[in-house]
Amino acid sequence: MWRCGLMLAMAAFLTGAGAEGTYGDDPTVLRLSEVIGIEVLTPEGRRLGTITDLLVERTSGSVEEVAVGAARYPISALLSGARPGQVVLELPWSSSAGGSAQSHSAGKDLVRASRVASPEAVTVDLLQGRVRPAQ
């Protein structure tokens, strides 16, 4: 499920990036530095901020959450945006109902991808939903 969310979230970004800005010849792999800074909107179009990091499970490298500023959201909540470089965050609770961002990966050993190595040295494999060292 989270793989679908990640693929949907990055689809708009990839279609606008073309061959430029992708890692090598594989359009399903992006440098973390290309993911950081993508604009995050609510379904109503309100700007929440930008992606500041990805949170990954330490041993497997699987992407579990996305950091938008200090808030953390499940990766499965991301949908593709209307324009390249944009994603929509659709949460199961409404912010008007008092919902707030919280970790949905309780019990997992998560680490920020940018702390593993420099964002230029880390790639995000969109098909596998994992981060890995750049080659």
N, C-alpha and C. Protein backbone atom coordinates (compact mmCIF):
# COMPACT_ATOMS: atom_id res chain seq x y z
N MET A 1 0.82 -1.18 0.00
CA MET A 1 0.00 0.00 0.00
C MET A 1 0.87 1.26 0.00
N TRP A 2 1.90 1.30 0.89
CA TRP A 2 2.74 2.49 0.94
C TRP A 2 3.54 2.67 -0.33
N ARG A 3 3.85 1.55 -1.01
CA ARG A 3 4.56 1.68 -2.28
C ARG A 3 3.70 2.41 -3.29
N CYS A 4 2.41 2.11 -3.30
CA CYS A 4 1.49 2.80 -4.21
C CYS A 4 1.44 4.29 -3.88
N GLY A 5 1.41 4.60 -2.58
CA GLY A 5 1.39 6.00 -2.17
C GLY A 5 2.62 6.74 -2.62
N LEU A 6 3.77 6.11 -2.45
CA LEU A 6 5.02 6.74 -2.87
C LEU A 6 5.06 6.90 -4.38
N MET A 7 4.63 5.89 -5.11
CA MET A 7 4.63 5.99 -6.58
C MET A 7 3.69 7.10 -7.05
N LEU A 8 2.51 7.17 -6.45
CA LEU A 8 1.57 8.22 -6.83
C LEU A 8 2.13 9.60 -6.50
N ALA A 9 2.76 9.69 -5.34
CA ALA A 9 3.28 10.99 -4.92
C ALA A 9 4.38 11.49 -5.84
N MET A 10 5.19 10.60 -6.35
CA MET A 10 6.31 11.01 -7.18
C MET A 10 5.97 11.06 -8.67
N ALA A 11 4.83 10.54 -9.06
CA ALA A 11 4.47 10.49 -10.48
C ALA A 11 4.45 11.88 -11.11
N ALA A 12 3.82 12.83 -10.45
CA ALA A 12 3.76 14.18 -11.01
C ALA A 12 5.14 14.80 -11.08
N PHE A 13 5.95 14.53 -10.09
CA PHE A 13 7.31 15.06 -10.08
C PHE A 13 8.11 14.48 -11.24
N LEU A 14 8.00 13.20 -11.46
CA LEU A 14 8.77 12.54 -12.51
C LEU A 14 8.35 12.98 -13.90
N THR A 15 7.05 13.15 -14.10
CA THR A 15 6.59 13.54 -15.43
C THR A 15 7.10 14.92 -15.80
N GLY A 16 7.30 15.77 -14.82
CA GLY A 16 7.84 17.10 -15.10
C GLY A 16 9.35 17.13 -15.16
N ALA A 17 9.99 16.15 -14.56
CA ALA A 17 11.45 16.15 -14.50
C ALA A 17 12.08 15.69 -15.81
N GLY A 18 11.41 14.83 -16.55
CA GLY A 18 11.99 14.28 -17.76
C GLY A 18 13.25 13.52 -17.43
N ALA A 19 14.19 13.45 -18.33
CA ALA A 19 15.44 12.74 -18.08
C ALA A 19 16.35 13.58 -17.19
N GLU A 20 16.12 14.87 -17.20
CA GLU A 20 16.92 15.78 -16.40
C GLU A 20 16.47 15.69 -14.95
N GLY A 21 17.39 15.56 -14.02
CA GLY A 21 17.02 15.55 -12.62
C GLY A 21 16.77 14.17 -12.07
N THR A 22 16.81 13.14 -12.90
CA THR A 22 16.66 11.79 -12.38
C THR A 22 18.03 11.18 -12.24
N TYR A 23 18.12 10.13 -11.47
CA TYR A 23 19.40 9.49 -11.21
C TYR A 23 19.72 8.54 -12.34
N GLY A 24 20.73 8.87 -13.13
CA GLY A 24 21.13 8.01 -14.24
C GLY A 24 20.02 7.89 -15.27
N ASP A 25 19.87 6.67 -15.82
CA ASP A 25 18.86 6.43 -16.85
C ASP A 25 17.59 5.84 -16.27
N ASP A 26 17.52 5.63 -14.97
CA ASP A 26 16.37 4.99 -14.34
C ASP A 26 15.43 6.05 -13.78
N PRO A 27 14.27 6.27 -14.42
CA PRO A 27 13.34 7.31 -13.94
C PRO A 27 12.62 6.94 -12.65
N THR A 28 12.81 5.71 -12.14
CA THR A 28 12.17 5.32 -10.89
C THR A 28 13.08 5.51 -9.69
N VAL A 29 14.24 6.09 -9.91
CA VAL A 29 15.20 6.34 -8.82
C VAL A 29 15.54 7.83 -8.81
N LEU A 30 15.34 8.45 -7.65
CA LEU A 30 15.66 9.87 -7.47
C LEU A 30 16.65 10.02 -6.33
N ARG A 31 17.47 11.04 -6.42
CA ARG A 31 18.31 11.38 -5.27
C ARG A 31 17.40 11.97 -4.19
N LEU A 32 17.75 11.72 -2.95
CA LEU A 32 16.98 12.27 -1.84
C LEU A 32 16.91 13.79 -1.95
N SER A 33 17.97 14.40 -2.43
CA SER A 33 17.99 15.86 -2.58
C SER A 33 16.92 16.35 -3.55
N GLU A 34 16.45 15.50 -4.46
CA GLU A 34 15.38 15.88 -5.39
C GLU A 34 14.00 15.71 -4.76
N VAL A 35 13.90 14.85 -3.76
CA VAL A 35 12.63 14.63 -3.06
C VAL A 35 12.42 15.73 -2.02
N ILE A 36 13.50 16.07 -1.31
CA ILE A 36 13.42 17.14 -0.31
C ILE A 36 13.10 18.45 -1.04
N GLY A 37 12.10 19.13 -0.55
CA GLY A 37 11.69 20.40 -1.16
C GLY A 37 10.43 20.30 -1.99
N ILE A 38 9.91 19.09 -2.22
CA ILE A 38 8.65 18.96 -2.96
C ILE A 38 7.54 19.57 -2.11
N GLU A 39 6.71 20.39 -2.74
CA GLU A 39 5.62 21.09 -2.05
C GLU A 39 4.51 20.11 -1.67
N VAL A 40 3.99 20.24 -0.45
CA VAL A 40 2.93 19.38 0.06
C VAL A 40 1.68 20.22 0.30
N LEU A 41 0.57 19.78 -0.30
CA LEU A 41 -0.71 20.50 -0.20
C LEU A 41 -1.77 19.60 0.42
N THR A 42 -2.82 20.21 0.97
CA THR A 42 -4.00 19.46 1.40
C THR A 42 -4.85 19.22 0.16
N PRO A 43 -5.84 18.32 0.22
CA PRO A 43 -6.73 18.11 -0.93
C PRO A 43 -7.48 19.39 -1.33
N GLU A 44 -7.65 20.32 -0.39
CA GLU A 44 -8.32 21.59 -0.68
C GLU A 44 -7.38 22.62 -1.31
N GLY A 45 -6.09 22.29 -1.41
CA GLY A 45 -5.12 23.19 -2.02
C GLY A 45 -4.35 24.05 -1.04
N ARG A 46 -4.55 23.86 0.26
CA ARG A 46 -3.81 24.64 1.26
C ARG A 46 -2.39 24.09 1.38
N ARG A 47 -1.41 24.96 1.39
CA ARG A 47 -0.01 24.56 1.46
C ARG A 47 0.36 24.18 2.89
N LEU A 48 0.87 22.94 3.06
CA LEU A 48 1.32 22.48 4.37
C LEU A 48 2.80 22.75 4.58
N GLY A 49 3.55 22.84 3.50
CA GLY A 49 4.99 23.05 3.58
C GLY A 49 5.67 22.25 2.49
N THR A 50 6.91 21.88 2.75
CA THR A 50 7.67 21.07 1.80
C THR A 50 8.22 19.84 2.51
N ILE A 51 8.52 18.82 1.73
CA ILE A 51 9.13 17.62 2.28
C ILE A 51 10.52 17.99 2.78
N THR A 52 10.78 17.71 4.05
CA THR A 52 12.08 18.01 4.63
C THR A 52 12.94 16.76 4.79
N ASP A 53 12.31 15.58 4.79
CA ASP A 53 13.05 14.33 4.92
C ASP A 53 12.10 13.16 4.75
N LEU A 54 12.68 11.99 4.58
CA LEU A 54 11.93 10.73 4.60
C LEU A 54 12.40 9.95 5.82
N LEU A 55 11.47 9.27 6.47
CA LEU A 55 11.83 8.43 7.61
C LEU A 55 11.77 6.98 7.15
N VAL A 56 12.86 6.29 7.36
CA VAL A 56 12.99 4.92 6.86
C VAL A 56 13.25 3.96 8.01
N GLU A 57 12.83 2.72 7.82
CA GLU A 57 13.09 1.67 8.78
C GLU A 57 14.58 1.37 8.70
N ARG A 58 15.25 1.40 9.83
CA ARG A 58 16.71 1.36 9.88
C ARG A 58 17.30 0.13 9.19
N THR A 59 16.78 -1.05 9.41
CA THR A 59 17.41 -2.26 8.88
C THR A 59 17.04 -2.54 7.43
N SER A 60 15.79 -2.29 7.05
CA SER A 60 15.36 -2.63 5.69
C SER A 60 15.53 -1.48 4.71
N GLY A 61 15.53 -0.24 5.21
CA GLY A 61 15.60 0.92 4.33
C GLY A 61 14.27 1.28 3.71
N SER A 62 13.18 0.63 4.14
CA SER A 62 11.88 0.93 3.55
C SER A 62 11.34 2.27 4.07
N VAL A 63 10.79 3.05 3.16
CA VAL A 63 10.25 4.37 3.49
C VAL A 63 8.93 4.18 4.22
N GLU A 64 8.83 4.73 5.43
CA GLU A 64 7.63 4.59 6.25
C GLU A 64 6.85 5.89 6.38
N GLU A 65 7.57 7.00 6.53
CA GLU A 65 6.93 8.29 6.77
C GLU A 65 7.63 9.39 5.99
N VAL A 66 6.92 10.49 5.84
CA VAL A 66 7.48 11.68 5.21
C VAL A 66 7.44 12.79 6.24
N ALA A 67 8.52 13.55 6.33
CA ALA A 67 8.58 14.70 7.24
C ALA A 67 8.28 15.96 6.45
N VAL A 68 7.32 16.72 6.95
CA VAL A 68 6.97 18.02 6.38
C VAL A 68 7.19 19.01 7.52
N GLY A 69 8.34 19.65 7.50
CA GLY A 69 8.73 20.46 8.64
C GLY A 69 8.93 19.54 9.84
N ALA A 70 8.33 19.87 10.96
CA ALA A 70 8.45 19.04 12.16
C ALA A 70 7.39 17.93 12.21
N ALA A 71 6.40 17.99 11.34
CA ALA A 71 5.32 16.99 11.32
C ALA A 71 5.73 15.76 10.53
N ARG A 72 5.19 14.61 10.91
CA ARG A 72 5.46 13.35 10.22
C ARG A 72 4.14 12.73 9.81
N TYR A 73 4.10 12.24 8.57
CA TYR A 73 2.88 11.64 8.03
C TYR A 73 3.21 10.29 7.40
N PRO A 74 2.25 9.36 7.40
CA PRO A 74 2.49 8.07 6.74
C PRO A 74 2.69 8.26 5.24
N ILE A 75 3.62 7.53 4.68
CA ILE A 75 3.92 7.68 3.26
C ILE A 75 2.70 7.33 2.40
N SER A 76 1.84 6.46 2.90
CA SER A 76 0.64 6.06 2.15
C SER A 76 -0.37 7.19 2.00
N ALA A 77 -0.21 8.29 2.76
CA ALA A 77 -1.14 9.41 2.67
C ALA A 77 -0.81 10.35 1.51
N LEU A 78 0.31 10.12 0.81
CA LEU A 78 0.68 11.00 -0.30
C LEU A 78 0.02 10.58 -1.60
N LEU A 79 -0.49 11.56 -2.32
CA LEU A 79 -1.07 11.36 -3.65
C LEU A 79 -0.37 12.30 -4.61
N SER A 80 -0.46 12.01 -5.89
CA SER A 80 0.19 12.90 -6.85
C SER A 80 -0.49 14.26 -6.86
N GLY A 81 0.29 15.28 -7.15
CA GLY A 81 -0.23 16.63 -7.21
C GLY A 81 -0.63 16.99 -8.63
N ALA A 82 -1.22 18.16 -8.77
CA ALA A 82 -1.67 18.61 -10.08
C ALA A 82 -0.51 19.07 -10.96
N ARG A 83 0.60 19.46 -10.32
CA ARG A 83 1.75 19.96 -11.06
C ARG A 83 3.01 19.22 -10.63
N PRO A 84 4.03 19.20 -11.48
CA PRO A 84 5.31 18.61 -11.07
C PRO A 84 5.86 19.30 -9.84
N GLY A 85 6.52 18.53 -8.98
CA GLY A 85 7.10 19.09 -7.78
C GLY A 85 6.10 19.34 -6.67
N GLN A 86 4.92 18.72 -6.79
CA GLN A 86 3.84 18.91 -5.83
C GLN A 86 3.24 17.56 -5.48
N VAL A 87 2.88 17.36 -4.21
CA VAL A 87 2.12 16.19 -3.79
C VAL A 87 0.98 16.65 -2.90
N VAL A 88 -0.03 15.81 -2.81
CA VAL A 88 -1.19 16.08 -1.96
C VAL A 88 -1.15 15.09 -0.81
N LEU A 89 -1.39 15.60 0.38
CA LEU A 89 -1.41 14.77 1.57
C LEU A 89 -2.86 14.56 1.99
N GLU A 90 -3.34 13.34 1.85
CA GLU A 90 -4.72 13.02 2.20
C GLU A 90 -4.70 12.13 3.44
N LEU A 91 -5.15 12.69 4.54
CA LEU A 91 -5.13 11.98 5.81
C LEU A 91 -6.51 11.41 6.13
N PRO A 92 -6.55 10.33 6.91
CA PRO A 92 -7.84 9.74 7.26
C PRO A 92 -8.63 10.58 8.26
N TRP A 93 -7.99 11.57 8.89
CA TRP A 93 -8.69 12.46 9.81
C TRP A 93 -8.67 13.86 9.23
N SER A 94 -9.58 14.66 9.64
CA SER A 94 -9.67 16.03 9.14
C SER A 94 -8.96 16.98 10.09
N SER A 95 -8.16 17.89 9.54
CA SER A 95 -7.48 18.87 10.39
C SER A 95 -8.50 19.77 11.08
N SER A 96 -9.66 19.97 10.45
CA SER A 96 -10.68 20.81 11.07
C SER A 96 -11.34 20.09 12.25
N ALA A 97 -11.18 18.76 12.30
CA ALA A 97 -11.75 17.99 13.40
C ALA A 97 -10.74 17.84 14.54
N GLY A 98 -9.63 18.55 14.45
CA GLY A 98 -8.66 18.52 15.53
C GLY A 98 -7.59 17.46 15.36
N GLY A 99 -7.49 16.85 14.20
CA GLY A 99 -6.45 15.86 13.97
C GLY A 99 -5.09 16.52 13.92
N SER A 100 -4.08 15.75 14.22
CA SER A 100 -2.72 16.30 14.16
C SER A 100 -1.79 15.26 13.59
N ALA A 101 -0.65 15.71 13.13
CA ALA A 101 0.35 14.79 12.60
C ALA A 101 0.95 14.01 13.74
N GLN A 102 1.10 12.72 13.56
CA GLN A 102 1.74 11.89 14.56
C GLN A 102 2.36 10.70 13.87
N SER A 103 3.29 10.07 14.55
CA SER A 103 3.96 8.92 13.99
C SER A 103 3.00 7.75 13.90
N HIS A 104 2.96 7.10 12.75
CA HIS A 104 2.10 5.94 12.55
C HIS A 104 2.92 4.67 12.48
N SER A 105 4.18 4.74 12.82
CA SER A 105 5.07 3.59 12.74
C SER A 105 5.59 3.23 14.12
N ALA A 106 4.69 3.23 15.09
CA ALA A 106 5.08 2.93 16.46
C ALA A 106 5.75 1.55 16.52
N GLY A 107 6.82 1.49 17.29
CA GLY A 107 7.52 0.23 17.47
C GLY A 107 8.58 -0.05 16.41
N LYS A 108 8.63 0.75 15.37
CA LYS A 108 9.65 0.57 14.33
C LYS A 108 10.85 1.47 14.61
N ASP A 109 12.01 0.99 14.24
CA ASP A 109 13.24 1.75 14.44
C ASP A 109 13.47 2.63 13.21
N LEU A 110 12.97 3.87 13.27
CA LEU A 110 13.05 4.77 12.12
C LEU A 110 14.20 5.75 12.27
N VAL A 111 14.77 6.10 11.12
CA VAL A 111 15.86 7.07 11.07
C VAL A 111 15.58 8.00 9.88
N ARG A 112 15.98 9.26 10.02
CA ARG A 112 15.82 10.20 8.90
C ARG A 112 16.81 9.83 7.81
N ALA A 113 16.34 9.77 6.58
CA ALA A 113 17.20 9.38 5.45
C ALA A 113 18.38 10.32 5.30
N SER A 114 18.19 11.60 5.57
CA SER A 114 19.28 12.57 5.41
C SER A 114 20.37 12.38 6.46
N ARG A 115 20.07 11.64 7.52
CA ARG A 115 21.08 11.39 8.55
C ARG A 115 21.91 10.16 8.23
N VAL A 116 21.43 9.35 7.30
CA VAL A 116 22.18 8.17 6.88
C VAL A 116 23.42 8.63 6.13
N ALA A 117 23.24 9.59 5.27
CA ALA A 117 24.33 10.16 4.47
C ALA A 117 23.82 11.48 3.89
N SER A 118 24.66 12.16 3.16
CA SER A 118 24.26 13.40 2.50
C SER A 118 23.10 13.12 1.54
N PRO A 119 22.12 14.03 1.42
CA PRO A 119 21.01 13.83 0.49
C PRO A 119 21.45 13.57 -0.95
N GLU A 120 22.65 14.01 -1.32
CA GLU A 120 23.17 13.72 -2.66
C GLU A 120 23.68 12.29 -2.77
N ALA A 121 24.01 11.68 -1.63
CA ALA A 121 24.58 10.33 -1.62
C ALA A 121 23.54 9.25 -1.39
N VAL A 122 22.27 9.65 -1.23
CA VAL A 122 21.19 8.70 -0.98
C VAL A 122 20.19 8.78 -2.13
N THR A 123 19.74 7.63 -2.61
CA THR A 123 18.71 7.61 -3.64
C THR A 123 17.45 6.97 -3.08
N VAL A 124 16.32 7.31 -3.68
CA VAL A 124 15.02 6.75 -3.32
C VAL A 124 14.57 5.91 -4.50
N ASP A 125 14.41 4.61 -4.27
CA ASP A 125 13.91 3.70 -5.30
C ASP A 125 12.39 3.72 -5.20
N LEU A 126 11.73 4.33 -6.17
CA LEU A 126 10.29 4.51 -6.11
C LEU A 126 9.53 3.21 -6.31
N LEU A 127 10.09 2.25 -7.02
CA LEU A 127 9.41 0.98 -7.23
C LEU A 127 9.45 0.11 -5.98
N GLN A 128 10.59 0.09 -5.32
CA GLN A 128 10.73 -0.76 -4.13
C GLN A 128 10.36 -0.03 -2.85
N GLY A 129 10.22 1.30 -2.90
CA GLY A 129 9.90 2.06 -1.71
C GLY A 129 11.00 2.04 -0.68
N ARG A 130 12.26 2.07 -1.14
CA ARG A 130 13.40 2.00 -0.24
C ARG A 130 14.42 3.07 -0.58
N VAL A 131 15.22 3.42 0.42
CA VAL A 131 16.36 4.30 0.16
C VAL A 131 17.60 3.43 0.12
N ARG A 132 18.58 3.89 -0.63
CA ARG A 132 19.84 3.15 -0.76
C ARG A 132 20.95 4.13 -1.12
N PRO A 133 22.19 3.73 -0.92
CA PRO A 133 23.30 4.61 -1.30
C PRO A 133 23.32 4.83 -2.80
N ALA A 134 23.70 6.03 -3.22
CA ALA A 134 23.86 6.32 -4.64
C ALA A 134 25.06 5.52 -5.15
N GLN A 135 24.96 5.09 -6.38
CA GLN A 135 26.05 4.29 -6.97
C GLN A 135 26.79 5.10 -7.98
